[in-house]
């Protein structure tokens, strides 16, 4: 089942728009005020449930196309789970919004709330942080520095890092295999090369750089150039050989670094096809590469788009192209994945560093933060 939203100035207008497209039998899941990032589309939003594929007409449906009882039961169970998830999410969001509204009359809470939203942290995460930290302090003791320090102490408990390339292997003769996936322009290729230099070269083991981007002419040229510079082998994979076969043939000889195409929002089928190959290799360490310069709302969509790959970690690039880093916390909350590495700039390999909670907290806190808040950030990081 898929969800689709319709926006208009009133709920009735949005529902009319949905009924025209989907028919009178479409299932309404929710109606609500549009979030701030979609307000330009209309002040009201309605959410409808859609089947994964368009229903076939009775004339076109024969015995071969009809769903069996087991498949129908599975679809119904999936629909119920999705409805429960949506219902719980709506109830939780409504409860958080109500609790936050009751706190925002306090000027210090309101100021802290505005600063977190300005840092591009998703509003629902800001609500969670403000409610949790305001509850731990009394109204008379909520100085700005104290409240903001409490917020970053709470953030420090939510952040997770795992700065390593490769998964632990029981087979000591096998080398790590690392794959990067992500949206177009996120910095996958340069990040992969930086990892190969900083993580692979010190091991003094041969390396193989593999390009799976056979969709565009010359797409692997940059990776081949980098492979030549660092003395690594290079391979362009074609569709005739499964990725699992390539890894099995070369992993005993090389560190394997795999680059993938940048898939856009309309390439769900291509994502699913390649994701099946990546997930079929249990020892594959898949990093989802995201640009820190993307908006939190876009990062959340990207996390969902690349979830079929089963990424193990998040890697953030383009840190030098933004002054707000709330998207890092937002993407991690949406994915529940640790952050592996951070990249800032085009210099190879200098512009990469292992992720640490201290570094992430400073990125989130440094804009407009006082010395007292930064000191608290340091203490929170040290406690992790």
Protein backbone atom coordinates (compact mmCIF):
# COMPACT_ATOMS: atom_id res chain seq x y z
CA UNK A 1 0.00 0.00 0.00
CA UNK A 2 1.11 3.57 -0.78
CA UNK A 3 -0.02 6.85 0.72
CA UNK A 4 -0.79 9.95 -1.32
CA UNK A 5 -1.52 13.45 -0.05
CA UNK A 6 -3.71 16.11 -1.65
CA UNK A 7 -3.52 19.80 -0.72
CA UNK A 8 -6.07 22.58 -1.04
CA UNK A 9 -7.38 25.61 0.85
CA UNK A 10 -10.09 23.53 2.55
CA UNK A 11 -10.44 19.86 3.49
CA UNK A 12 -13.54 19.52 1.26
CA UNK A 13 -11.64 20.89 -1.74
CA UNK A 14 -8.69 18.53 -1.13
CA UNK A 15 -11.07 15.55 -0.82
CA UNK A 16 -12.88 16.56 -4.00
CA UNK A 17 -9.53 16.65 -5.82
CA UNK A 18 -8.65 13.19 -4.48
CA UNK A 19 -12.03 11.69 -5.38
CA UNK A 20 -11.76 12.95 -8.95
CA UNK A 21 -8.43 11.18 -9.38
CA UNK A 22 -8.94 8.04 -7.29
CA UNK A 23 -12.69 7.44 -7.41
CA UNK A 24 -15.32 7.32 -4.69
CA UNK A 25 -14.02 4.06 -3.22
CA UNK A 26 -10.58 5.43 -2.29
CA UNK A 27 -9.75 5.06 1.40
CA UNK A 28 -9.31 8.27 3.41
CA UNK A 29 -6.71 7.83 6.17
CA UNK A 30 -6.25 11.30 7.60
CA UNK A 31 -7.10 14.99 7.21
CA UNK A 32 -5.05 17.72 8.85
CA UNK A 33 -3.41 21.11 8.47
CA UNK A 34 -0.62 21.03 5.91
CA UNK A 35 2.92 21.04 7.38
CA UNK A 36 4.90 24.25 7.08
CA UNK A 37 7.10 22.94 4.25
CA UNK A 38 4.00 22.13 2.12
CA UNK A 39 1.87 25.14 3.07
CA UNK A 40 2.46 26.71 -0.34
CA UNK A 41 0.42 23.85 -1.87
CA UNK A 42 -2.59 24.57 0.33
CA UNK A 43 -3.43 25.00 3.99
CA UNK A 44 -5.18 21.60 4.32
CA UNK A 45 -3.93 18.08 3.58
CA UNK A 46 -5.85 14.83 3.14
CA UNK A 47 -4.08 11.45 2.98
CA UNK A 48 -5.48 8.52 0.98
CA UNK A 49 -4.38 4.89 0.73
CA UNK A 50 -3.45 3.59 -2.71
CA UNK A 51 -2.71 0.03 -3.88
CA UNK A 52 0.86 -0.66 -5.02
CA UNK A 53 -0.42 -1.28 -8.56
CA UNK A 54 -3.51 -0.03 -10.29
CA UNK A 55 -6.45 -2.47 -9.97
CA UNK A 56 -7.25 -4.45 -13.07
CA UNK A 57 -10.67 -4.22 -14.67
CA UNK A 58 -12.90 -7.29 -14.29
CA UNK A 59 -12.64 -8.04 -18.02
CA UNK A 60 -8.85 -8.11 -17.91
CA UNK A 61 -8.66 -10.20 -14.77
CA UNK A 62 -8.48 -13.92 -15.34
CA UNK A 63 -7.50 -16.87 -13.17
CA UNK A 64 -3.80 -16.18 -13.72
CA UNK A 65 -4.13 -12.60 -12.49
CA UNK A 66 -6.45 -13.21 -9.55
CA UNK A 67 -4.92 -13.05 -6.11
CA UNK A 68 -5.07 -16.17 -4.02
CA UNK A 69 -6.42 -16.16 -0.44
CA UNK A 70 -2.92 -16.12 1.06
CA UNK A 71 -1.90 -13.02 -0.93
CA UNK A 72 -5.20 -11.29 -0.12
CA UNK A 73 -4.69 -12.04 3.58
CA UNK A 74 -1.12 -10.71 3.41
CA UNK A 75 -2.27 -7.49 1.72
CA UNK A 76 -5.01 -7.01 4.30
CA UNK A 77 -2.58 -7.56 7.17
CA UNK A 78 -0.17 -5.05 5.62
CA UNK A 79 -3.00 -2.51 5.26
CA UNK A 80 -3.97 -2.98 8.91
CA UNK A 81 -0.37 -2.48 10.03
CA UNK A 82 -0.11 0.69 7.94
CA UNK A 83 -3.37 2.00 9.35
CA UNK A 84 -2.18 1.31 12.89
CA UNK A 85 1.09 3.08 12.16
CA UNK A 86 -0.68 6.12 10.73
CA UNK A 87 -3.16 6.20 13.62
CA UNK A 88 -0.40 5.97 16.23
CA UNK A 89 1.62 8.62 14.44
CA UNK A 90 -1.33 11.00 14.27
CA UNK A 91 -2.21 10.46 17.92
CA UNK A 92 1.38 10.96 19.00
CA UNK A 93 1.80 14.09 16.85
CA UNK A 94 -1.43 15.57 18.20
CA UNK A 95 -0.37 14.89 21.78
CA UNK A 96 3.08 16.42 21.20
CA UNK A 97 1.62 19.45 19.46
CA UNK A 98 -0.79 20.05 22.32
CA UNK A 99 1.95 19.70 24.93
CA UNK A 100 4.25 22.03 22.98
CA UNK A 101 1.52 24.64 22.55
CA UNK A 102 1.05 24.69 26.32
CA UNK A 103 4.76 25.39 26.83
CA UNK A 104 5.32 28.05 24.20
CA UNK A 105 3.83 30.80 26.37
CA UNK A 106 7.14 30.66 28.26
CA UNK A 107 9.46 33.11 26.41
CA UNK A 108 12.56 30.96 26.95
CA UNK A 109 10.84 27.82 25.65
CA UNK A 110 9.52 29.76 22.66
CA UNK A 111 12.99 31.14 21.92
CA UNK A 112 14.59 27.70 22.14
CA UNK A 113 11.85 26.23 19.92
CA UNK A 114 12.44 28.89 17.27
CA UNK A 115 16.20 28.32 17.29
CA UNK A 116 15.81 24.57 16.79
CA UNK A 117 13.35 25.03 13.92
CA UNK A 118 15.71 27.60 12.37
CA UNK A 119 18.46 24.95 12.53
CA UNK A 120 16.24 22.88 10.17
CA UNK A 121 15.38 20.14 12.64
CA UNK A 122 12.05 18.55 11.74
CA UNK A 123 9.19 20.15 13.72
CA UNK A 124 8.07 16.88 15.29
CA UNK A 125 11.61 16.26 16.61
CA UNK A 126 11.75 19.83 17.95
CA UNK A 127 8.47 19.20 19.76
CA UNK A 128 9.87 16.03 21.34
CA UNK A 129 13.02 17.83 22.46
CA UNK A 130 11.21 20.84 23.89
CA UNK A 131 8.61 18.78 25.75
CA UNK A 132 11.26 16.44 27.21
CA UNK A 133 13.57 19.25 28.34
CA UNK A 134 10.89 21.63 29.59
CA UNK A 135 9.47 18.81 31.70
CA UNK A 136 12.87 18.35 33.36
CA UNK A 137 13.06 22.01 34.44
CA UNK A 138 10.81 24.31 36.42
CA UNK A 139 9.42 27.51 34.83
CA UNK A 140 11.42 29.74 37.18
CA UNK A 141 14.72 28.04 36.37
CA UNK A 142 14.43 28.00 32.56
CA UNK A 143 17.18 30.39 31.65
CA UNK A 144 18.04 30.27 27.94
CA UNK A 145 21.47 28.70 28.39
CA UNK A 146 20.19 26.14 30.86
CA UNK A 147 17.26 25.12 28.67
CA UNK A 148 19.39 24.97 25.52
CA UNK A 149 22.05 22.93 27.32
CA UNK A 150 19.34 20.50 28.42
CA UNK A 151 18.18 20.23 24.81
CA UNK A 152 21.67 19.32 23.58
CA UNK A 153 22.09 16.86 26.42
CA UNK A 154 18.92 15.18 25.14
CA UNK A 155 20.19 15.33 21.55
CA UNK A 156 23.44 13.66 22.61
CA UNK A 157 21.42 10.65 23.80
CA UNK A 158 19.71 10.38 20.42
CA UNK A 159 22.80 10.59 18.22
CA UNK A 160 24.68 7.43 17.23
CA UNK A 161 27.95 7.05 15.36
CA UNK A 162 29.83 4.09 13.90
CA UNK A 163 32.93 5.45 12.13
CA UNK A 164 34.15 2.39 10.29
CA UNK A 165 34.05 0.96 6.79
CA UNK A 166 33.25 -2.71 6.43
CA UNK A 167 31.35 -5.19 8.56
CA UNK A 168 32.97 -7.72 10.92
CA UNK A 169 33.62 -10.99 9.11
CA UNK A 170 34.18 -14.48 10.46
CA UNK A 171 36.21 -15.31 7.39
CA UNK A 172 39.62 -13.75 8.01
CA UNK A 173 40.68 -14.35 4.40
CA UNK A 174 37.87 -12.14 3.07
CA UNK A 175 38.28 -8.40 2.74
CA UNK A 176 35.57 -5.82 3.41
CA UNK A 177 33.01 -4.88 0.76
CA UNK A 178 31.57 -1.37 0.94
CA UNK A 179 28.79 0.12 -1.17
CA UNK A 180 27.57 3.72 -1.35
CA UNK A 181 24.03 4.65 -2.41
CA UNK A 182 22.18 7.94 -2.47
CA UNK A 183 20.53 10.71 -4.49
CA UNK A 184 22.17 12.32 -7.53
CA UNK A 185 24.83 14.86 -6.57
CA UNK A 186 25.04 13.71 -2.95
CA UNK A 187 28.80 13.10 -3.22
CA UNK A 188 28.87 9.30 -3.47
CA UNK A 189 31.86 8.89 -5.80
CA UNK A 190 34.17 11.35 -4.03
CA UNK A 191 33.15 9.98 -0.63
CA UNK A 192 33.89 6.43 -1.80
CA UNK A 193 37.36 7.43 -2.99
CA UNK A 194 38.05 9.23 0.30
CA UNK A 195 37.09 6.07 2.16
CA UNK A 196 39.29 3.93 -0.08
CA UNK A 197 42.29 6.17 0.65
CA UNK A 198 41.78 6.72 4.38
CA UNK A 199 40.44 3.27 5.29
CA UNK A 200 41.76 0.94 2.59
CA UNK A 201 45.29 2.15 1.86
CA UNK A 202 46.51 1.88 5.50
CA UNK A 203 45.61 -1.83 5.45
CA UNK A 204 48.20 -2.35 2.66
CA UNK A 205 45.78 -4.67 0.88
CA UNK A 206 44.89 -4.47 -2.83
CA UNK A 207 41.74 -2.53 -3.63
CA UNK A 208 39.09 -2.83 -6.32
CA UNK A 209 36.80 0.06 -7.27
CA UNK A 210 33.58 -1.08 -8.96
CA UNK A 211 31.16 1.16 -10.84
CA UNK A 212 27.58 -0.05 -11.15
CA UNK A 213 26.57 3.10 -13.00
CA UNK A 214 26.16 1.64 -16.48
CA UNK A 215 23.11 3.78 -17.21
CA UNK A 216 25.02 6.82 -18.49
CA UNK A 217 27.82 7.05 -21.04
CA UNK A 218 31.13 7.70 -19.29
CA UNK A 219 29.56 7.54 -15.83
CA UNK A 220 32.45 5.49 -14.43
CA UNK A 221 35.24 7.63 -15.91
CA UNK A 222 35.81 9.66 -12.74
CA UNK A 223 36.04 6.53 -10.60
CA UNK A 224 38.44 4.91 -13.08
CA UNK A 225 40.65 8.04 -12.92
CA UNK A 226 40.76 7.89 -9.12
CA UNK A 227 41.50 4.16 -9.21
CA UNK A 228 44.52 4.86 -11.41
CA UNK A 229 45.77 7.57 -9.05
CA UNK A 230 45.65 5.36 -5.95
CA UNK A 231 46.87 2.19 -7.67
CA UNK A 232 43.57 0.31 -7.35
CA UNK A 233 41.99 -2.08 -9.81
CA UNK A 234 38.84 -0.89 -11.57
CA UNK A 235 35.81 -2.70 -12.94
CA UNK A 236 32.60 -1.57 -14.62
CA UNK A 237 29.91 -4.09 -13.75
CA UNK A 238 27.42 -5.00 -16.45
CA UNK A 239 23.92 -6.32 -16.00
CA UNK A 240 24.90 -9.82 -17.16
CA UNK A 241 26.81 -10.59 -13.96
CA UNK A 242 25.10 -10.46 -10.56
CA UNK A 243 26.82 -8.27 -7.99
CA UNK A 244 27.09 -11.22 -5.60
CA UNK A 245 29.18 -13.07 -8.19
CA UNK A 246 31.56 -10.12 -8.60
CA UNK A 247 32.04 -9.83 -4.84
CA UNK A 248 32.54 -13.58 -4.43
CA UNK A 249 35.17 -13.68 -7.17
CA UNK A 250 37.24 -10.75 -5.89
CA UNK A 251 36.75 -10.40 -2.15
CA UNK A 252 39.53 -12.79 -1.21
CA UNK A 253 41.97 -10.57 -3.12
CA UNK A 254 40.71 -7.02 -2.70
CA UNK A 255 39.01 -4.47 -0.55
CA UNK A 256 35.93 -3.86 -2.72
CA UNK A 257 34.46 -0.36 -3.02
CA UNK A 258 31.20 -0.15 -5.00
CA UNK A 259 29.74 3.01 -6.52
CA UNK A 260 26.09 3.15 -7.63
CA UNK A 261 23.99 5.46 -9.81
CA UNK A 262 22.21 8.43 -8.27
CA UNK A 263 18.55 7.45 -8.38
CA UNK A 264 15.86 10.13 -8.52
CA UNK A 265 12.32 10.06 -7.07
CA UNK A 266 10.81 8.48 -10.20
CA UNK A 267 13.22 5.53 -10.39
CA UNK A 268 11.64 3.21 -7.83
CA UNK A 269 11.84 0.20 -10.15
CA UNK A 270 15.57 0.69 -10.79
CA UNK A 271 16.14 1.10 -7.05
CA UNK A 272 14.26 -2.10 -6.28
CA UNK A 273 16.21 -4.08 -8.90
CA UNK A 274 19.64 -3.00 -7.68
CA UNK A 275 18.63 -3.10 -4.01
CA UNK A 276 17.79 -6.80 -4.36
CA UNK A 277 21.37 -7.44 -5.49
CA UNK A 278 22.92 -5.41 -2.67
CA UNK A 279 20.77 -7.01 0.03
CA UNK A 280 21.65 -10.47 -1.31
CA UNK A 281 25.20 -9.95 0.01
CA UNK A 282 24.94 -10.14 3.82
CA UNK A 283 28.53 -8.98 4.35
CA UNK A 284 27.97 -5.78 2.33
CA UNK A 285 28.47 -2.56 4.32
CA UNK A 286 26.06 -0.16 2.60
CA UNK A 287 26.42 3.56 3.39
CA UNK A 288 23.60 5.94 2.46
CA UNK A 289 25.37 9.13 1.32
CA UNK A 290 23.35 12.31 1.89
CA UNK A 291 24.15 15.97 1.38
CA UNK A 292 24.08 17.96 4.61
CA UNK A 293 22.94 20.92 2.50
CA UNK A 294 19.58 19.24 1.77
CA UNK A 295 16.52 20.31 3.74
CA UNK A 296 15.38 18.03 6.55
CA UNK A 297 12.12 17.29 4.76
CA UNK A 298 14.02 16.23 1.62
CA UNK A 299 16.45 14.12 3.65
CA UNK A 300 13.56 12.26 5.25
CA UNK A 301 12.16 11.49 1.77
CA UNK A 302 15.61 10.32 0.59
CA UNK A 303 15.95 8.01 3.61
CA UNK A 304 12.64 6.37 2.68
CA UNK A 305 13.57 6.19 -1.03
CA UNK A 306 16.81 4.28 -0.39
CA UNK A 307 15.52 2.08 2.45
CA UNK A 308 15.19 -0.91 0.07
CA UNK A 309 19.00 -1.12 -0.03
CA UNK A 310 19.06 -1.87 3.69
CA UNK A 311 21.83 0.67 4.43
CA UNK A 312 23.85 0.10 7.59
CA UNK A 313 25.11 3.68 8.09
CA UNK A 314 24.63 7.29 7.04
CA UNK A 315 27.49 9.29 5.52
CA UNK A 316 27.04 13.06 5.23
CA UNK A 317 28.83 15.06 2.53
CA UNK A 318 28.83 18.77 1.58
CA UNK A 319 29.10 19.98 5.17
CA UNK A 320 30.88 23.04 3.78
CA UNK A 321 27.83 24.03 1.73
CA UNK A 322 25.47 24.87 4.60
CA UNK A 323 25.36 26.66 7.94
CA UNK A 324 22.54 24.58 9.44
CA UNK A 325 22.94 20.92 10.34
CA UNK A 326 19.56 19.94 11.75
CA UNK A 327 19.14 17.60 8.80
CA UNK A 328 21.73 15.25 10.28
CA UNK A 329 19.61 14.71 13.40
CA UNK A 330 16.42 14.56 11.32
CA UNK A 331 17.79 11.94 8.92
CA UNK A 332 19.15 9.83 11.74
CA UNK A 333 15.82 9.95 13.55
CA UNK A 334 14.02 8.93 10.34
CA UNK A 335 16.40 6.05 9.60
CA UNK A 336 17.60 4.95 13.06
CA UNK A 337 21.05 4.45 11.50
CA UNK A 338 24.42 5.56 12.92
CA UNK A 339 26.52 8.21 11.18
CA UNK A 340 29.80 6.85 9.82
CA UNK A 341 31.79 9.69 8.24
CA UNK A 342 31.53 13.41 7.48
CA UNK A 343 32.84 15.06 4.31
CA UNK A 344 33.39 18.79 3.80
CA UNK A 345 34.96 19.98 0.57
CA UNK A 346 36.42 18.40 -2.56
CA UNK A 347 39.94 17.75 -1.28
CA UNK A 348 40.82 14.07 -1.45
CA UNK A 349 41.45 12.59 1.02
CA UNK A 350 41.72 15.53 3.48
CA UNK A 351 38.04 16.47 3.46
CA UNK A 352 36.73 13.44 5.37
CA UNK A 353 36.60 12.70 9.08
CA UNK A 354 35.18 9.91 11.24
CA UNK A 355 31.88 10.93 12.79
CA UNK A 356 31.84 11.59 16.52
CA UNK A 357 29.08 12.69 18.84
CA UNK A 358 31.17 15.67 19.93
CA UNK A 359 31.56 16.84 16.34
CA UNK A 360 27.86 16.37 15.56
CA UNK A 361 26.82 18.25 18.68
CA UNK A 362 29.12 21.16 17.88
CA UNK A 363 27.73 21.33 14.34
CA UNK A 364 24.20 21.46 15.73
CA UNK A 365 25.03 23.90 18.52
CA UNK A 366 27.62 26.31 17.18
CA UNK A 367 25.26 28.77 15.46
CA UNK A 368 24.50 31.40 18.06
CA UNK A 369 25.53 29.22 20.97
CA UNK A 370 27.04 30.75 24.08
CA UNK A 371 30.19 29.52 25.77
CA UNK A 372 28.05 27.93 28.47
CA UNK A 373 26.05 25.91 25.95
CA UNK A 374 29.17 24.77 24.09
CA UNK A 375 30.72 23.72 27.40
CA UNK A 376 27.62 21.66 28.12
CA UNK A 377 27.87 20.16 24.64
CA UNK A 378 31.42 19.09 25.43
CA UNK A 379 30.36 17.48 28.68
CA UNK A 380 27.45 15.70 26.98
CA UNK A 381 29.76 14.35 24.28
CA UNK A 382 32.33 13.19 26.82
CA UNK A 383 29.64 11.23 28.65
CA UNK A 384 28.77 9.18 25.55
